[in-house]
Structures are given as C-alpha cells and as structure tokens.
Amino acid sequence: MSFGVLVLLLALCIFSEIALAQDGGITRHYKFNIQMAKVTRLCHTKSMVTVNGKFPGPRIVAREGDRLLIEVVNNVPNNISIHWHGIRQLRSGWADGPAYITQCPIQTGQSYVYNYTVVGQRGTLFWHAHISWLRSTVYGPLIILPKKGVPYPFAKPYKEVPMIFGEWYNGDPEAIINQAMQTGGRMSPMPIPSMDFPDTFKLKVKPGKTYLLRLINAALNEDLFFSIANHSLTVVEADAIYVKPFQSDTVLLTLDRPQIFSWRLSPNPQAPIS
C-alpha cells in the first residue's frame, strides 16, 4: 500500500470521527475571567492568579461529541494561555493552548475564544495554564461524559467524585522558579488536595456502595501516590479512554502527562474508613 493511500485512509478516519462527533452533540459555553484573588491554604493567605476567583478553577463538563466554546478574558498583568490536557485537537490545533507554539499568549486586557469538539473521548482530563509557572494556580477538572443515552461500560457508580491534587507555595511561584534557575536548586512545594474545603478533603461513604473517583494530578513537579487504607481500587479509565478493569491497592499519579485516572471504590464493610 502506497504512502499516499495510507494518508488518505487516515484523513478519512479523522473526518469520519468528526462527523460522528458533530452528530447529536451540543455547543457548551464557558467564560474564564483570569483575575487576582486572595486564597488561604495551610494557614497562609496570599494574592494569586485564578480563574473566576476560584482555586482550583471551575469544572468543565461536556459529553462526547459536544463542541466547547470557552472565552478567556485576561485581567492580570501576566500573559496567559490555557491548555486542555489530553484533548485530541482534530482540525483545531490552534485551540490546544501552549503559548508561542500553537498560539500567541493572551495579553492583559485581551480575550480569546477556544473552540474545539470532543471526539472519541470520554472520562477524566483537566485544563491548566500553559505559560511560565502559572499552572501552579490556574487549573481545573475537565469531565467528559458518554453521549446521552450511552451507559458506562461498567456498573453505574453510586456517586462520582472529582479529586484534583495540586501544590501550594507560600511565595510567588514565578519568583521561586527564577531563584531555582539561578541557584540550581529545586522548588519545594507542600502538596495538598486542592479541593473547595479548608486544607483537607473529606468524603462520607456508605459501606457496600461503589464510588467513581476521578483523580487528577495537577502538580508542577511531583508524582503522587494514592491509596485508601484497607481498600482496593478498580481502574476503569485512563486518559479519557476506558480500559479493561483491573485492581490495585496503590496508584501512581504522574505529573504533566495526560495520565488522569478514574476509579471505582467499593468500600469494605469490615474495614474502617478514615
């Protein structure tokens, strides 16, 4: 088979996927106001760059085949761009987000609309700033549900819980990385579960129920291990692709790669949950 035929077949596959995605999907609108906000974690309050004044930022929810229009308005002195980590940008590479690679960054007082369609993916991803070290505070979950009427390929969970893990710097991450570059040192964050709760996250569960934990590692430099004492986890999805379920007691959440995992947790009625 000639190279030209292979290229043609690949193009036909891509266009077929896009056509299927656009069939039945809807357009969802989001607006990101990049703004300074005071945030308190670990008994320390500081002003930092956020989306809509939230840390972590707002959750994006869509279904496979939906089109997303996300307007980003920059109200801070820093240039900004947003990357949709793990999204397959088919015919929409300009919406991928890496500054100076697929787009010029959004300057102060300017705005940009990211326009892309979710094709052939369903599961857990995340979005984050993709310029300098603003990713330390500008990030949030991106949840892709199956098409309407299409069930999960596993038993429906009792509850779905997004859990996004990040890092906390008492100082300005930009100043810290500049110092590290000059001295050859490394950044020393304090990893915390970045949930909308004071410092820690607590989940009340019912024995015998199955919970879908959408785990995301949004840290800058740290791989994280995740486990629940006296319980096992069943992996059902990674990188917005379903996988053959398998069990594990401990999971490695890697950084800066679209290896974001979803899990089913069936609490052991005989084991305490703390």
C-alpha atoms as a PDB file:
ATOM      1  CA  MET A   1       0.000   0.000   0.000  1.00  0.00           C
ATOM      2  CA  SER A   2       1.441   3.369  -1.017  1.00  0.00           C
ATOM      3  CA  PHE A   3       2.120   6.229   1.380  1.00  0.00           C
ATOM      4  CA  GLY A   4      -0.491   8.378  -0.379  1.00  0.00           C
ATOM      5  CA  VAL A   5      -3.194   5.762   0.186  1.00  0.00           C
ATOM      6  CA  LEU A   6      -2.298   5.499   3.870  1.00  0.00           C
ATOM      7  CA  VAL A   7      -2.549   9.269   4.280  1.00  0.00           C
ATOM      8  CA  LEU A   8      -5.928   9.268   2.521  1.00  0.00           C
ATOM      9  CA  LEU A   9      -7.266   6.474   4.758  1.00  0.00           C
ATOM     10  CA  LEU A  10      -6.068   8.314   7.876  1.00  0.00           C
ATOM     11  CA  ALA A  11      -7.753  11.525   6.725  1.00  0.00           C
ATOM     12  CA  LEU A  12     -11.000   9.666   6.035  1.00  0.00           C
ATOM     13  CA  CYS A  13     -10.912   8.146   9.540  1.00  0.00           C
ATOM     14  CA  ILE A  14     -10.394  11.557  11.135  1.00  0.00           C
ATOM     15  CA  PHE A  15     -13.168  13.220   9.136  1.00  0.00           C
ATOM     16  CA  SER A  16     -15.491  10.305   9.907  1.00  0.00           C
ATOM     17  CA  GLU A  17     -14.843  10.697  13.642  1.00  0.00           C
ATOM     18  CA  ILE A  18     -15.503  14.432  13.445  1.00  0.00           C
ATOM     19  CA  ALA A  19     -18.733  13.886  11.520  1.00  0.00           C
ATOM     20  CA  LEU A  20     -19.916  11.347  14.094  1.00  0.00           C
ATOM     21  CA  ALA A  21     -18.958  13.700  16.950  1.00  0.00           C
ATOM     22  CA  GLN A  22     -20.912  16.577  15.464  1.00  0.00           C
ATOM     23  CA  ASP A  23     -23.983  14.356  15.059  1.00  0.00           C
ATOM     24  CA  GLY A  24     -26.085  14.834  18.173  1.00  0.00           C
ATOM     25  CA  GLY A  25     -23.606  16.915  20.163  1.00  0.00           C
ATOM     26  CA  ILE A  26     -24.438  20.338  21.581  1.00  0.00           C
ATOM     27  CA  THR A  27     -22.431  23.532  21.990  1.00  0.00           C
ATOM     28  CA  ARG A  28     -21.459  24.415  25.557  1.00  0.00           C
ATOM     29  CA  HIS A  29     -20.281  27.894  26.548  1.00  0.00           C
ATOM     30  CA  TYR A  30     -17.903  28.755  29.398  1.00  0.00           C
ATOM     31  CA  LYS A  31     -16.233  32.008  30.393  1.00  0.00           C
ATOM     32  CA  PHE A  32     -12.895  32.187  32.212  1.00  0.00           C
ATOM     33  CA  ASN A  33     -12.046  35.514  33.841  1.00  0.00           C
ATOM     34  CA  ILE A  34      -8.343  35.444  34.676  1.00  0.00           C
ATOM     35  CA  GLN A  35      -8.122  37.555  37.825  1.00  0.00           C
ATOM     36  CA  MET A  36      -6.185  38.050  41.037  1.00  0.00           C
ATOM     37  CA  ALA A  37      -7.802  36.690  44.192  1.00  0.00           C
ATOM     38  CA  LYS A  38      -6.843  36.141  47.806  1.00  0.00           C
ATOM     39  CA  VAL A  39      -6.666  32.447  48.663  1.00  0.00           C
ATOM     40  CA  THR A  40      -5.963  30.780  52.002  1.00  0.00           C
ATOM     41  CA  ARG A  41      -4.357  27.349  52.349  1.00  0.00           C
ATOM     42  CA  LEU A  42      -2.318  25.821  55.167  1.00  0.00           C
ATOM     43  CA  CYS A  43      -2.943  28.863  57.388  1.00  0.00           C
ATOM     44  CA  HIS A  44      -1.412  31.219  54.815  1.00  0.00           C
ATOM     45  CA  THR A  45      -3.227  33.812  52.698  1.00  0.00           C
ATOM     46  CA  LYS A  46      -1.831  35.286  49.501  1.00  0.00           C
ATOM     47  CA  SER A  47      -2.978  37.032  46.315  1.00  0.00           C
ATOM     48  CA  MET A  48      -2.537  34.895  43.213  1.00  0.00           C
ATOM     49  CA  VAL A  49      -3.725  34.372  39.640  1.00  0.00           C
ATOM     50  CA  THR A  50      -7.006  32.424  39.442  1.00  0.00           C
ATOM     51  CA  VAL A  51      -9.884  31.678  37.090  1.00  0.00           C
ATOM     52  CA  ASN A  52     -13.125  33.341  38.204  1.00  0.00           C
ATOM     53  CA  GLY A  53     -11.570  33.896  41.626  1.00  0.00           C
ATOM     54  CA  LYS A  54     -11.502  30.154  42.375  1.00  0.00           C
ATOM     55  CA  PHE A  55      -8.690  27.786  43.339  1.00  0.00           C
ATOM     56  CA  PRO A  56      -8.806  25.293  41.787  1.00  0.00           C
ATOM     57  CA  GLY A  57     -10.711  26.720  38.845  1.00  0.00           C
ATOM     58  CA  PRO A  58     -14.208  25.874  37.600  1.00  0.00           C
ATOM     59  CA  ARG A  59     -15.150  22.412  36.429  1.00  0.00           C
ATOM     60  CA  ILE A  60     -15.866  21.920  32.732  1.00  0.00           C
ATOM     61  CA  VAL A  61     -18.401  19.201  31.969  1.00  0.00           C
ATOM     62  CA  ALA A  62     -19.246  18.012  28.460  1.00  0.00           C
ATOM     63  CA  ARG A  63     -20.379  14.906  26.628  1.00  0.00           C
ATOM     64  CA  GLU A  64     -18.522  13.078  23.903  1.00  0.00           C
ATOM     65  CA  GLY A  65     -19.338  14.852  20.642  1.00  0.00           C
ATOM     66  CA  ASP A  66     -20.017  18.243  22.244  1.00  0.00           C
ATOM     67  CA  ARG A  67     -18.469  21.446  20.973  1.00  0.00           C
ATOM     68  CA  LEU A  68     -16.846  23.696  23.585  1.00  0.00           C
ATOM     69  CA  LEU A  69     -16.587  27.474  23.274  1.00  0.00           C
ATOM     70  CA  ILE A  70     -14.524  28.833  26.163  1.00  0.00           C
ATOM     71  CA  GLU A  71     -13.902  32.569  26.298  1.00  0.00           C
ATOM     72  CA  VAL A  72     -10.783  33.506  28.278  1.00  0.00           C
ATOM     73  CA  VAL A  73     -10.525  37.154  29.382  1.00  0.00           C
ATOM     74  CA  ASN A  74      -7.169  38.236  30.816  1.00  0.00           C
ATOM     75  CA  ASN A  75      -7.471  40.737  33.675  1.00  0.00           C
ATOM     76  CA  VAL A  76      -3.995  40.238  35.211  1.00  0.00           C
ATOM     77  CA  PRO A  77      -0.563  41.710  34.328  1.00  0.00           C
ATOM     78  CA  ASN A  78       0.710  38.291  33.154  1.00  0.00           C
ATOM     79  CA  ASN A  79       0.236  36.893  29.680  1.00  0.00           C
ATOM     80  CA  ILE A  80      -1.928  33.767  29.749  1.00  0.00           C
ATOM     81  CA  SER A  81      -2.915  30.741  27.671  1.00  0.00           C
ATOM     82  CA  ILE A  82      -4.954  27.651  28.574  1.00  0.00           C
ATOM     83  CA  HIS A  83      -4.172  24.069  27.580  1.00  0.00           C
ATOM     84  CA  TRP A  84      -6.845  21.339  27.530  1.00  0.00           C
ATOM     85  CA  HIS A  85      -4.708  18.477  28.746  1.00  0.00           C
ATOM     86  CA  GLY A  86      -5.327  15.264  26.827  1.00  0.00           C
ATOM     87  CA  ILE A  87      -7.944  16.608  24.407  1.00  0.00           C
ATOM     88  CA  ARG A  88      -7.465  15.359  20.836  1.00  0.00           C
ATOM     89  CA  GLN A  89      -7.457  18.539  18.783  1.00  0.00           C
ATOM     90  CA  LEU A  90      -8.686  17.315  15.395  1.00  0.00           C
ATOM     91  CA  ARG A  91      -8.696  20.218  12.915  1.00  0.00           C
ATOM     92  CA  SER A  92      -8.490  22.609  15.893  1.00  0.00           C
ATOM     93  CA  GLY A  93      -4.800  22.687  16.734  1.00  0.00           C
ATOM     94  CA  TRP A  94      -4.988  26.445  17.332  1.00  0.00           C
ATOM     95  CA  ALA A  95      -7.151  25.672  20.397  1.00  0.00           C
ATOM     96  CA  ASP A  96      -4.542  23.449  22.070  1.00  0.00           C
ATOM     97  CA  GLY A  97      -3.147  26.296  24.181  1.00  0.00           C
ATOM     98  CA  PRO A  98       0.688  26.126  24.510  1.00  0.00           C
ATOM     99  CA  ALA A  99       1.888  29.734  24.346  1.00  0.00           C
ATOM    100  CA  TYR A 100       4.241  30.569  21.462  1.00  0.00           C
ATOM    101  CA  ILE A 101       3.638  27.120  19.942  1.00  0.00           C
ATOM    102  CA  THR A 102       0.018  26.936  18.793  1.00  0.00           C
ATOM    103  CA  GLN A 103      -0.960  30.489  19.721  1.00  0.00           C
ATOM    104  CA  CYS A 104       0.284  33.857  20.887  1.00  0.00           C
ATOM    105  CA  PRO A 105      -0.478  34.294  24.593  1.00  0.00           C
ATOM    106  CA  ILE A 106      -3.485  36.352  25.621  1.00  0.00           C
ATOM    107  CA  GLN A 107      -2.195  39.732  26.715  1.00  0.00           C
ATOM    108  CA  THR A 108      -3.525  41.881  29.547  1.00  0.00           C
ATOM    109  CA  GLY A 109      -6.956  43.286  28.712  1.00  0.00           C
ATOM    110  CA  GLN A 110      -7.398  40.931  25.760  1.00  0.00           C
ATOM    111  CA  SER A 111      -9.553  37.836  25.258  1.00  0.00           C
ATOM    112  CA  TYR A 112      -9.555  34.672  23.167  1.00  0.00           C
ATOM    113  CA  VAL A 113     -12.213  32.025  22.456  1.00  0.00           C
ATOM    114  CA  TYR A 114     -11.073  28.406  22.457  1.00  0.00           C
ATOM    115  CA  ASN A 115     -13.211  26.416  20.029  1.00  0.00           C
ATOM    116  CA  TYR A 116     -12.965  22.637  19.773  1.00  0.00           C
ATOM    117  CA  THR A 117     -15.055  19.462  19.639  1.00  0.00           C
ATOM    118  CA  VAL A 118     -14.601  16.425  21.892  1.00  0.00           C
ATOM    119  CA  VAL A 119     -14.039  13.482  19.532  1.00  0.00           C
ATOM    120  CA  GLY A 120     -13.802   9.825  20.546  1.00  0.00           C
ATOM    121  CA  GLN A 121     -13.063  10.518  24.206  1.00  0.00           C
ATOM    122  CA  ARG A 122     -14.906  10.115  27.479  1.00  0.00           C
ATOM    123  CA  GLY A 123     -13.542  10.207  31.017  1.00  0.00           C
ATOM    124  CA  THR A 124     -11.348  12.477  33.151  1.00  0.00           C
ATOM    125  CA  LEU A 125      -8.958  15.163  31.905  1.00  0.00           C
ATOM    126  CA  PHE A 126      -8.010  18.637  33.132  1.00  0.00           C
ATOM    127  CA  TRP A 127      -7.162  22.108  31.890  1.00  0.00           C
ATOM    128  CA  HIS A 128      -4.322  24.377  33.032  1.00  0.00           C
ATOM    129  CA  ALA A 129      -2.352  27.497  32.172  1.00  0.00           C
ATOM    130  CA  HIS A 130       0.407  26.805  29.651  1.00  0.00           C
ATOM    131  CA  ILE A 131       2.787  29.717  30.058  1.00  0.00           C
ATOM    132  CA  SER A 132       5.540  30.312  32.637  1.00  0.00           C
ATOM    133  CA  TRP A 133       4.621  28.738  36.011  1.00  0.00           C
ATOM    134  CA  LEU A 134       1.041  29.971  36.229  1.00  0.00           C
ATOM    135  CA  ARG A 135      -0.064  26.335  36.067  1.00  0.00           C
ATOM    136  CA  SER A 136       0.618  26.167  39.811  1.00  0.00           C
ATOM    137  CA  THR A 137      -2.632  28.053  40.465  1.00  0.00           C
ATOM    138  CA  VAL A 138      -4.564  28.092  37.174  1.00  0.00           C
ATOM    139  CA  TYR A 139      -6.099  24.659  36.625  1.00  0.00           C
ATOM    140  CA  GLY A 140      -9.316  22.691  36.970  1.00  0.00           C
ATOM    141  CA  PRO A 141     -11.118  19.448  36.020  1.00  0.00           C
ATOM    142  CA  LEU A 142     -12.441  18.623  32.559  1.00  0.00           C
ATOM    143  CA  ILE A 143     -15.047  15.852  32.757  1.00  0.00           C
ATOM    144  CA  ILE A 144     -16.239  14.160  29.562  1.00  0.00           C
ATOM    145  CA  LEU A 145     -19.407  12.096  29.958  1.00  0.00           C
ATOM    146  CA  PRO A 146     -20.572   9.487  27.428  1.00  0.00           C
ATOM    147  CA  LYS A 147     -23.027  10.515  24.751  1.00  0.00           C
ATOM    148  CA  LYS A 148     -26.569  10.938  26.018  1.00  0.00           C
ATOM    149  CA  GLY A 149     -28.224   7.553  26.365  1.00  0.00           C
ATOM    150  CA  VAL A 150     -24.914   5.653  26.276  1.00  0.00           C
ATOM    151  CA  PRO A 151     -24.114   3.901  29.601  1.00  0.00           C
ATOM    152  CA  TYR A 152     -20.733   3.355  31.198  1.00  0.00           C
ATOM    153  CA  PRO A 153     -19.113   0.021  30.257  1.00  0.00           C
ATOM    154  CA  PHE A 154     -19.166  -0.830  33.974  1.00  0.00           C
ATOM    155  CA  ALA A 155     -21.782  -0.783  36.717  1.00  0.00           C
ATOM    156  CA  LYS A 156     -23.186   2.664  37.378  1.00  0.00           C
ATOM    157  CA  PRO A 157     -21.460   4.125  40.473  1.00  0.00           C
ATOM    158  CA  TYR A 158     -23.398   5.294  43.484  1.00  0.00           C
ATOM    159  CA  LYS A 159     -21.605   8.658  43.287  1.00  0.00           C
ATOM    160  CA  GLU A 160     -18.939  10.387  41.175  1.00  0.00           C
ATOM    161  CA  VAL A 161     -16.270  12.417  42.967  1.00  0.00           C
ATOM    162  CA  PRO A 162     -13.637  14.526  41.138  1.00  0.00           C
ATOM    163  CA  MET A 163     -10.439  14.826  43.195  1.00  0.00           C
ATOM    164  CA  ILE A 164      -7.766  17.196  41.909  1.00  0.00           C
ATOM    165  CA  PHE A 165      -4.389  17.258  43.649  1.00  0.00           C
ATOM    166  CA  GLY A 166      -2.111  20.278  43.462  1.00  0.00           C
ATOM    167  CA  GLU A 167       0.733  22.068  45.200  1.00  0.00           C
ATOM    168  CA  TRP A 168       0.837  25.088  47.463  1.00  0.00           C
ATOM    169  CA  TYR A 169       3.610  27.691  47.563  1.00  0.00           C
ATOM    170  CA  ASN A 170       3.549  30.315  50.298  1.00  0.00           C
ATOM    171  CA  GLY A 171       5.569  32.566  47.999  1.00  0.00           C
ATOM    172  CA  ASP A 172       5.131  33.565  44.358  1.00  0.00           C
ATOM    173  CA  PRO A 173       5.882  30.502  42.158  1.00  0.00           C
ATOM    174  CA  GLU A 174       7.353  32.800  39.470  1.00  0.00           C
ATOM    175  CA  ALA A 175       9.878  34.231  41.947  1.00  0.00           C
ATOM    176  CA  ILE A 176      10.645  30.758  43.333  1.00  0.00           C
ATOM    177  CA  ILE A 177      11.394  29.226  39.938  1.00  0.00           C
ATOM    178  CA  ASN A 178      13.553  32.212  38.979  1.00  0.00           C
ATOM    179  CA  GLN A 179      15.617  31.702  42.126  1.00  0.00           C
ATOM    180  CA  ALA A 180      15.836  27.952  41.474  1.00  0.00           C
ATOM    181  CA  MET A 181      17.091  28.590  37.947  1.00  0.00           C
ATOM    182  CA  GLN A 182      19.813  30.881  39.268  1.00  0.00           C
ATOM    183  CA  THR A 183      20.954  28.641  42.137  1.00  0.00           C
ATOM    184  CA  GLY A 184      20.377  25.208  40.606  1.00  0.00           C
ATOM    185  CA  GLY A 185      18.013  24.323  43.427  1.00  0.00           C
ATOM    186  CA  ARG A 186      14.537  22.871  43.149  1.00  0.00           C
ATOM    187  CA  MET A 187      11.116  24.161  44.033  1.00  0.00           C
ATOM    188  CA  SER A 188       9.802  22.852  47.366  1.00  0.00           C
ATOM    189  CA  PRO A 189       6.022  22.827  47.404  1.00  0.00           C
ATOM    190  CA  MET A 190       3.679  21.485  50.029  1.00  0.00           C
ATOM    191  CA  PRO A 191       1.389  19.024  48.193  1.00  0.00           C
ATOM    192  CA  ILE A 192      -2.244  19.355  49.209  1.00  0.00           C
ATOM    193  CA  PRO A 193      -5.550  18.072  47.871  1.00  0.00           C
ATOM    194  CA  SER A 194      -6.774  21.291  46.240  1.00  0.00           C
ATOM    195  CA  MET A 195     -10.482  20.990  46.943  1.00  0.00           C
ATOM    196  CA  ASP A 196     -13.003  23.644  47.900  1.00  0.00           C
ATOM    197  CA  PHE A 197     -12.563  22.814  51.585  1.00  0.00           C
ATOM    198  CA  PRO A 198     -10.199  24.257  54.221  1.00  0.00           C
ATOM    199  CA  ASP A 199      -6.891  22.468  53.599  1.00  0.00           C
ATOM    200  CA  THR A 200      -8.296  18.920  53.587  1.00  0.00           C
ATOM    201  CA  PHE A 201     -10.925  16.931  51.743  1.00  0.00           C
ATOM    202  CA  LYS A 202     -13.327  14.541  53.420  1.00  0.00           C
ATOM    203  CA  LEU A 203     -15.724  12.183  51.676  1.00  0.00           C
ATOM    204  CA  LYS A 204     -18.500  10.422  53.563  1.00  0.00           C
ATOM    205  CA  VAL A 205     -19.189   6.999  52.068  1.00  0.00           C
ATOM    206  CA  LYS A 206     -21.707   4.244  52.618  1.00  0.00           C
ATOM    207  CA  PRO A 207     -20.471   0.663  53.072  1.00  0.00           C
ATOM    208  CA  GLY A 208     -21.058  -1.515  50.038  1.00  0.00           C
ATOM    209  CA  LYS A 209     -21.563   1.389  47.641  1.00  0.00           C
ATOM    210  CA  THR A 210     -19.363   1.977  44.599  1.00  0.00           C
ATOM    211  CA  TYR A 211     -17.788   5.403  44.093  1.00  0.00           C
ATOM    212  CA  LEU A 212     -16.172   6.691  40.922  1.00  0.00           C
ATOM    213  CA  LEU A 213     -13.136   8.745  41.952  1.00  0.00           C
ATOM    214  CA  ARG A 214     -11.876  10.974  39.161  1.00  0.00           C
ATOM    215  CA  LEU A 215      -8.247  11.503  40.220  1.00  0.00           C
ATOM    216  CA  ILE A 216      -6.163  14.291  38.696  1.00  0.00           C
ATOM    217  CA  ASN A 217      -2.570  15.233  39.493  1.00  0.00           C
ATOM    218  CA  ALA A 218      -2.208  18.947  38.688  1.00  0.00           C
ATOM    219  CA  ALA A 219       1.137  19.306  40.488  1.00  0.00           C
ATOM    220  CA  LEU A 220       4.104  21.014  38.843  1.00  0.00           C
ATOM    221  CA  ASN A 221       6.984  18.730  39.803  1.00  0.00           C
ATOM    222  CA  GLU A 222       5.662  15.942  41.986  1.00  0.00           C
ATOM    223  CA  ASP A 223       4.462  12.440  41.160  1.00  0.00           C
ATOM    224  CA  LEU A 224       1.889  11.398  43.746  1.00  0.00           C
ATOM    225  CA  PHE A 225       0.866   8.028  45.134  1.00  0.00           C
ATOM    226  CA  PHE A 226      -2.773   7.450  46.030  1.00  0.00           C
ATOM    227  CA  SER A 227      -4.321   4.705  48.129  1.00  0.00           C
ATOM    228  CA  ILE A 228      -7.131   4.176  50.613  1.00  0.00           C
ATOM    229  CA  ALA A 229      -6.285   2.207  53.746  1.00  0.00           C
ATOM    230  CA  ASN A 230      -7.811  -1.295  53.881  1.00  0.00           C
ATOM    231  CA  HIS A 231      -9.425  -0.888  50.455  1.00  0.00           C
ATOM    232  CA  SER A 232      -8.626  -1.762  46.869  1.00  0.00           C
ATOM    233  CA  LEU A 233      -9.290   0.329  43.794  1.00  0.00           C
ATOM    234  CA  THR A 234     -10.517  -0.804  40.388  1.00  0.00           C
ATOM    235  CA  VAL A 235      -9.107   1.108  37.418  1.00  0.00           C
ATOM    236  CA  VAL A 236     -11.780   1.690  34.771  1.00  0.00           C
ATOM    237  CA  GLU A 237     -10.403   4.592  32.702  1.00  0.00           C
ATOM    238  CA  ALA A 238      -7.201   6.481  31.949  1.00  0.00           C
ATOM    239  CA  ASP A 239      -6.520   9.416  29.641  1.00  0.00           C
ATOM    240  CA  ALA A 240     -10.239   9.677  28.739  1.00  0.00           C
ATOM    241  CA  ILE A 241     -10.201   6.111  27.364  1.00  0.00           C
ATOM    242  CA  TYR A 242     -11.899   3.139  29.015  1.00  0.00           C
ATOM    243  CA  VAL A 243      -9.549   0.308  29.993  1.00  0.00           C
ATOM    244  CA  LYS A 244     -10.048  -3.315  30.907  1.00  0.00           C
ATOM    245  CA  PRO A 245     -10.793  -3.068  34.657  1.00  0.00           C
ATOM    246  CA  PHE A 246      -8.036  -4.204  36.990  1.00  0.00           C
ATOM    247  CA  GLN A 247      -7.491  -3.867  40.724  1.00  0.00           C
ATOM    248  CA  SER A 248      -4.686  -2.158  42.602  1.00  0.00           C
ATOM    249  CA  ASP A 249      -4.028  -1.114  46.182  1.00  0.00           C
ATOM    250  CA  THR A 250      -1.858   1.884  45.264  1.00  0.00           C
ATOM    251  CA  VAL A 251      -1.769   4.146  42.256  1.00  0.00           C
ATOM    252  CA  LEU A 252       0.920   6.426  40.837  1.00  0.00           C
ATOM    253  CA  LEU A 253      -0.435   9.731  39.534  1.00  0.00           C
ATOM    254  CA  THR A 254       2.226  11.147  37.242  1.00  0.00           C
ATOM    255  CA  LEU A 255       2.688  14.831  36.532  1.00  0.00           C
ATOM    256  CA  ASP A 256       2.448  16.854  33.329  1.00  0.00           C
ATOM    257  CA  ARG A 257       1.112  13.958  31.263  1.00  0.00           C
ATOM    258  CA  PRO A 258      -2.489  13.119  30.392  1.00  0.00           C
ATOM    259  CA  GLN A 259      -2.485  10.119  32.701  1.00  0.00           C
ATOM    260  CA  ILE A 260      -5.517  11.039  34.710  1.00  0.00           C
ATOM    261  CA  PHE A 261      -7.315   8.091  36.221  1.00  0.00           C
ATOM    262  CA  SER A 262     -10.868   7.268  37.217  1.00  0.00           C
ATOM    263  CA  TRP A 263     -11.508   4.621  39.817  1.00  0.00           C
ATOM    264  CA  ARG A 264     -14.304   2.647  41.302  1.00  0.00           C
ATOM    265  CA  LEU A 265     -14.153   2.256  45.083  1.00  0.00           C
ATOM    266  CA  SER A 266     -16.265  -0.385  46.767  1.00  0.00           C
ATOM    267  CA  PRO A 267     -15.827   0.239  50.485  1.00  0.00           C
ATOM    268  CA  ASN A 268     -15.154  -2.883  52.516  1.00  0.00           C
ATOM    269  CA  PRO A 269     -17.941  -3.077  55.138  1.00  0.00           C
ATOM    270  CA  GLN A 270     -15.493  -4.765  57.518  1.00  0.00           C
ATOM    271  CA  ALA A 271     -12.749  -2.123  57.190  1.00  0.00           C
ATOM    272  CA  PRO A 272     -12.799   1.296  58.892  1.00  0.00           C
ATOM    273  CA  ILE A 273     -12.722   4.358  56.636  1.00  0.00           C
ATOM    274  CA  SER A 274     -10.849   7.348  57.993  1.00  0.00           C
END
